[in-house]
N, C-alpha and C. Protein backbone atom coordinates (compact mmCIF):
# COMPACT_ATOMS: atom_id res chain seq x y z
N UNK A 1 -14.64 6.82 -15.22
CA UNK A 1 -15.13 7.22 -14.26
C UNK A 1 -16.25 8.60 -14.16
N UNK A 2 -16.73 8.74 -13.28
CA UNK A 2 -17.75 9.78 -13.14
C UNK A 2 -16.92 10.58 -12.54
N UNK A 3 -17.01 11.79 -13.36
CA UNK A 3 -16.60 13.61 -12.64
C UNK A 3 -16.81 13.98 -11.28
N UNK A 4 -18.04 13.42 -10.77
CA UNK A 4 -18.40 13.63 -9.39
C UNK A 4 -18.04 12.72 -8.30
N UNK A 5 -17.17 12.03 -8.73
CA UNK A 5 -16.78 10.81 -7.95
C UNK A 5 -15.60 11.44 -6.92
N UNK A 6 -15.57 11.33 -5.65
CA UNK A 6 -14.40 11.60 -5.00
C UNK A 6 -13.21 10.92 -5.02
N UNK A 7 -11.62 11.61 -4.69
CA UNK A 7 -10.88 10.94 -4.90
C UNK A 7 -10.36 9.63 -4.11
N UNK A 8 -11.00 9.62 -3.36
CA UNK A 8 -11.13 7.98 -2.63
C UNK A 8 -12.49 7.02 -3.57
N UNK A 9 -13.07 7.68 -3.68
CA UNK A 9 -14.42 7.00 -4.50
C UNK A 9 -13.36 6.50 -5.84
N UNK A 10 -12.94 7.26 -6.54
CA UNK A 10 -12.22 6.84 -7.52
C UNK A 10 -11.05 5.71 -7.70
N UNK A 11 -10.44 6.09 -6.32
CA UNK A 11 -9.54 5.07 -5.87
C UNK A 11 -10.25 3.73 -6.27
N UNK A 12 -10.67 3.38 -4.86
CA UNK A 12 -11.40 2.15 -4.53
C UNK A 12 -11.87 1.63 -5.90
N UNK A 13 -13.07 2.64 -6.83
CA UNK A 13 -13.58 2.11 -8.23
C UNK A 13 -12.32 1.57 -9.15
N UNK A 14 -11.03 2.39 -9.24
CA UNK A 14 -10.21 1.57 -10.19
C UNK A 14 -9.34 0.60 -9.18
N UNK A 15 -9.39 0.29 -7.70
CA UNK A 15 -8.69 -1.20 -7.43
C UNK A 15 -9.74 -2.31 -6.99
N UNK A 16 -10.88 -2.32 -7.39
CA UNK A 16 -11.69 -3.27 -7.41
C UNK A 16 -12.36 -3.39 -8.91
N UNK A 17 -11.92 -3.00 -10.12
CA UNK A 17 -12.62 -3.45 -10.93
C UNK A 17 -11.74 -4.35 -11.89
N UNK A 18 -10.54 -4.35 -11.55
CA UNK A 18 -10.14 -5.27 -12.23
C UNK A 18 -10.73 -7.13 -12.17
N UNK A 19 -10.33 -7.62 -12.95
CA UNK A 19 -11.27 -9.29 -12.65
C UNK A 19 -10.54 -9.96 -11.56
N UNK A 20 -11.29 -11.06 -10.76
CA UNK A 20 -11.05 -11.11 -9.75
C UNK A 20 -10.44 -10.05 -8.25
N UNK A 21 -10.85 -9.15 -8.30
CA UNK A 21 -10.97 -8.06 -7.25
C UNK A 21 -11.54 -8.41 -6.41
N UNK A 22 -11.17 -7.92 -5.35
CA UNK A 22 -11.88 -7.73 -3.92
C UNK A 22 -11.96 -6.54 -3.14
N UNK A 23 -13.22 -6.10 -2.18
CA UNK A 23 -13.13 -4.71 -1.58
C UNK A 23 -11.76 -4.81 -0.47
N UNK A 24 -11.22 -5.93 -0.30
CA UNK A 24 -9.68 -6.16 0.59
C UNK A 24 -8.64 -5.12 -0.20
N UNK A 25 -8.83 -5.22 -1.69
CA UNK A 25 -7.73 -4.53 -2.56
C UNK A 25 -7.66 -3.05 -2.34
N UNK A 26 -8.51 -2.42 -2.09
CA UNK A 26 -8.88 -1.15 -1.72
C UNK A 26 -8.14 -0.35 -0.51
N UNK A 27 -8.28 -1.61 0.55
CA UNK A 27 -8.01 -1.42 1.79
C UNK A 27 -6.63 -0.58 2.02
N UNK A 28 -6.69 0.78 3.14
CA UNK A 28 -5.15 1.67 2.80
C UNK A 28 -4.29 0.31 3.40
N UNK A 29 -3.09 1.23 2.72
CA UNK A 29 -1.80 0.21 2.73
C UNK A 29 -0.90 1.46 3.06
N UNK A 30 -0.99 2.66 3.69
CA UNK A 30 0.09 3.34 4.12
C UNK A 30 -1.03 4.31 5.26
N UNK A 31 -0.55 4.74 6.06
CA UNK A 31 -0.75 5.57 7.47
C UNK A 31 -0.19 6.67 6.85
N UNK A 32 -0.29 8.60 6.81
CA UNK A 32 -0.40 9.46 6.49
C UNK A 32 -0.46 10.26 7.50
N UNK A 33 0.97 11.12 8.35
CA UNK A 33 0.44 11.96 9.56
C UNK A 33 1.69 12.89 9.31
N UNK A 34 0.90 14.24 9.82
CA UNK A 34 1.86 15.30 10.01
C UNK A 34 1.72 15.97 11.43
N UNK A 35 3.25 16.29 11.72
CA UNK A 35 3.97 16.56 12.82
C UNK A 35 4.65 17.84 12.69
N UNK A 36 4.38 19.07 13.50
CA UNK A 36 5.16 20.19 13.42
C UNK A 36 5.25 20.47 11.73
N UNK A 37 4.89 20.37 10.52
CA UNK A 37 5.02 20.62 9.41
C UNK A 37 6.17 19.42 8.60
N UNK A 38 6.08 18.12 9.21
CA UNK A 38 7.08 16.94 8.71
C UNK A 38 5.87 16.27 8.37
N UNK A 39 5.70 15.60 7.04
CA UNK A 39 4.68 14.42 6.51
C UNK A 39 5.55 13.34 7.01
N UNK A 40 4.89 12.31 7.54
CA UNK A 40 5.74 10.45 7.62
C UNK A 40 4.64 10.06 6.95
N UNK A 41 4.81 8.80 6.26
CA UNK A 41 4.21 7.61 5.65
C UNK A 41 4.49 6.39 6.18
N UNK A 42 3.60 5.78 6.83
CA UNK A 42 4.05 4.54 7.36
C UNK A 42 3.12 3.35 6.53
N UNK A 43 3.67 2.69 6.67
CA UNK A 43 3.00 0.80 6.68
C UNK A 43 1.84 0.75 7.29
N UNK A 44 0.16 0.95 6.26
CA UNK A 44 -0.49 0.56 7.26
C UNK A 44 -0.23 -1.10 8.52
N UNK A 45 -0.63 -1.00 9.47
CA UNK A 45 -0.27 -2.23 10.44
C UNK A 45 -1.38 -3.22 9.51
N UNK A 46 -2.06 -3.06 9.10
CA UNK A 46 -2.88 -4.39 8.34
C UNK A 46 -2.69 -4.97 6.89
N UNK A 47 -1.67 -4.00 6.43
CA UNK A 47 -1.51 -4.18 5.17
C UNK A 47 -0.92 -5.23 4.69
N UNK A 48 -1.67 -5.98 3.70
CA UNK A 48 -1.28 -7.15 3.30
C UNK A 48 -0.03 -7.52 2.36
N UNK A 49 0.35 -6.32 1.89
CA UNK A 49 1.52 -6.08 0.36
C UNK A 49 2.26 -4.99 1.52
N UNK A 50 3.64 -5.48 1.28
CA UNK A 50 5.00 -4.46 2.18
C UNK A 50 5.63 -4.05 1.10
N UNK A 51 6.36 -3.32 1.56
CA UNK A 51 7.92 -2.79 0.16
C UNK A 51 9.18 -4.16 0.67
N UNK A 52 9.56 -4.42 -0.11
CA UNK A 52 11.03 -5.16 0.64
C UNK A 52 10.80 -6.38 -0.05
N UNK A 53 11.92 -7.47 0.15
CA UNK A 53 11.43 -8.52 -0.18
C UNK A 53 10.50 -9.60 0.46
N UNK A 54 10.35 -10.39 -0.24
CA UNK A 54 9.06 -11.23 0.51
C UNK A 54 9.62 -12.48 1.32
N UNK A 55 8.82 -12.89 2.52
CA UNK A 55 9.31 -13.56 2.59
C UNK A 55 10.13 -15.18 2.11
N UNK A 56 11.09 -15.56 2.75
CA UNK A 56 12.10 -16.74 1.92
C UNK A 56 12.92 -16.25 1.20
N UNK A 57 13.20 -14.72 1.04
CA UNK A 57 14.04 -14.16 0.33
C UNK A 57 15.23 -14.28 1.04
N UNK A 58 16.72 -14.47 0.25
CA UNK A 58 17.37 -14.13 1.19
C UNK A 58 17.56 -12.68 1.78
N UNK A 59 17.54 -11.83 1.63
CA UNK A 59 17.35 -10.46 1.88
C UNK A 59 16.43 -10.12 2.69
N UNK A 60 15.48 -11.09 2.81
CA UNK A 60 14.64 -10.97 4.03
C UNK A 60 14.54 -11.95 4.87
N UNK A 61 15.79 -12.59 4.95
CA UNK A 61 15.99 -13.57 5.94
C UNK A 61 17.48 -12.97 6.41
N UNK A 62 18.34 -12.29 5.86
CA UNK A 62 19.40 -11.59 6.33
C UNK A 62 20.64 -12.07 5.95
N UNK A 63 20.51 -13.18 5.16
CA UNK A 63 21.24 -14.16 4.87
C UNK A 63 22.50 -13.26 3.00
N UNK A 64 21.33 -12.05 3.21
CA UNK A 64 22.69 -11.55 1.89
C UNK A 64 21.40 -9.59 2.02
N UNK A 65 22.79 -9.26 1.81
CA UNK A 65 22.32 -7.78 1.76
C UNK A 65 22.19 -7.14 0.94
N UNK A 66 21.26 -6.42 0.40
CA UNK A 66 20.79 -5.88 -0.74
C UNK A 66 21.65 -4.40 -0.77
N UNK A 67 22.35 -3.52 -1.09
CA UNK A 67 22.71 -2.61 -1.69
C UNK A 67 22.80 -2.26 -3.19
N UNK A 68 21.95 -0.50 -2.77
CA UNK A 68 21.48 0.18 -4.09
C UNK A 68 22.81 0.79 -4.68
């Protein structure tokens, strides 16, 4: 990577350099906001990938509760 690249350019370059990667792979997945000194991180509304069990998994369907 080039040292003259911005952090965002480096991120996009890394996320799109894998075989079969697309520009969509570099789309934002989180939204960071700050209010009164508190930082909040939310999943971006258009994020294709989300944390947690995927659809069809028992925990996602509330059939089984996951306890850490």
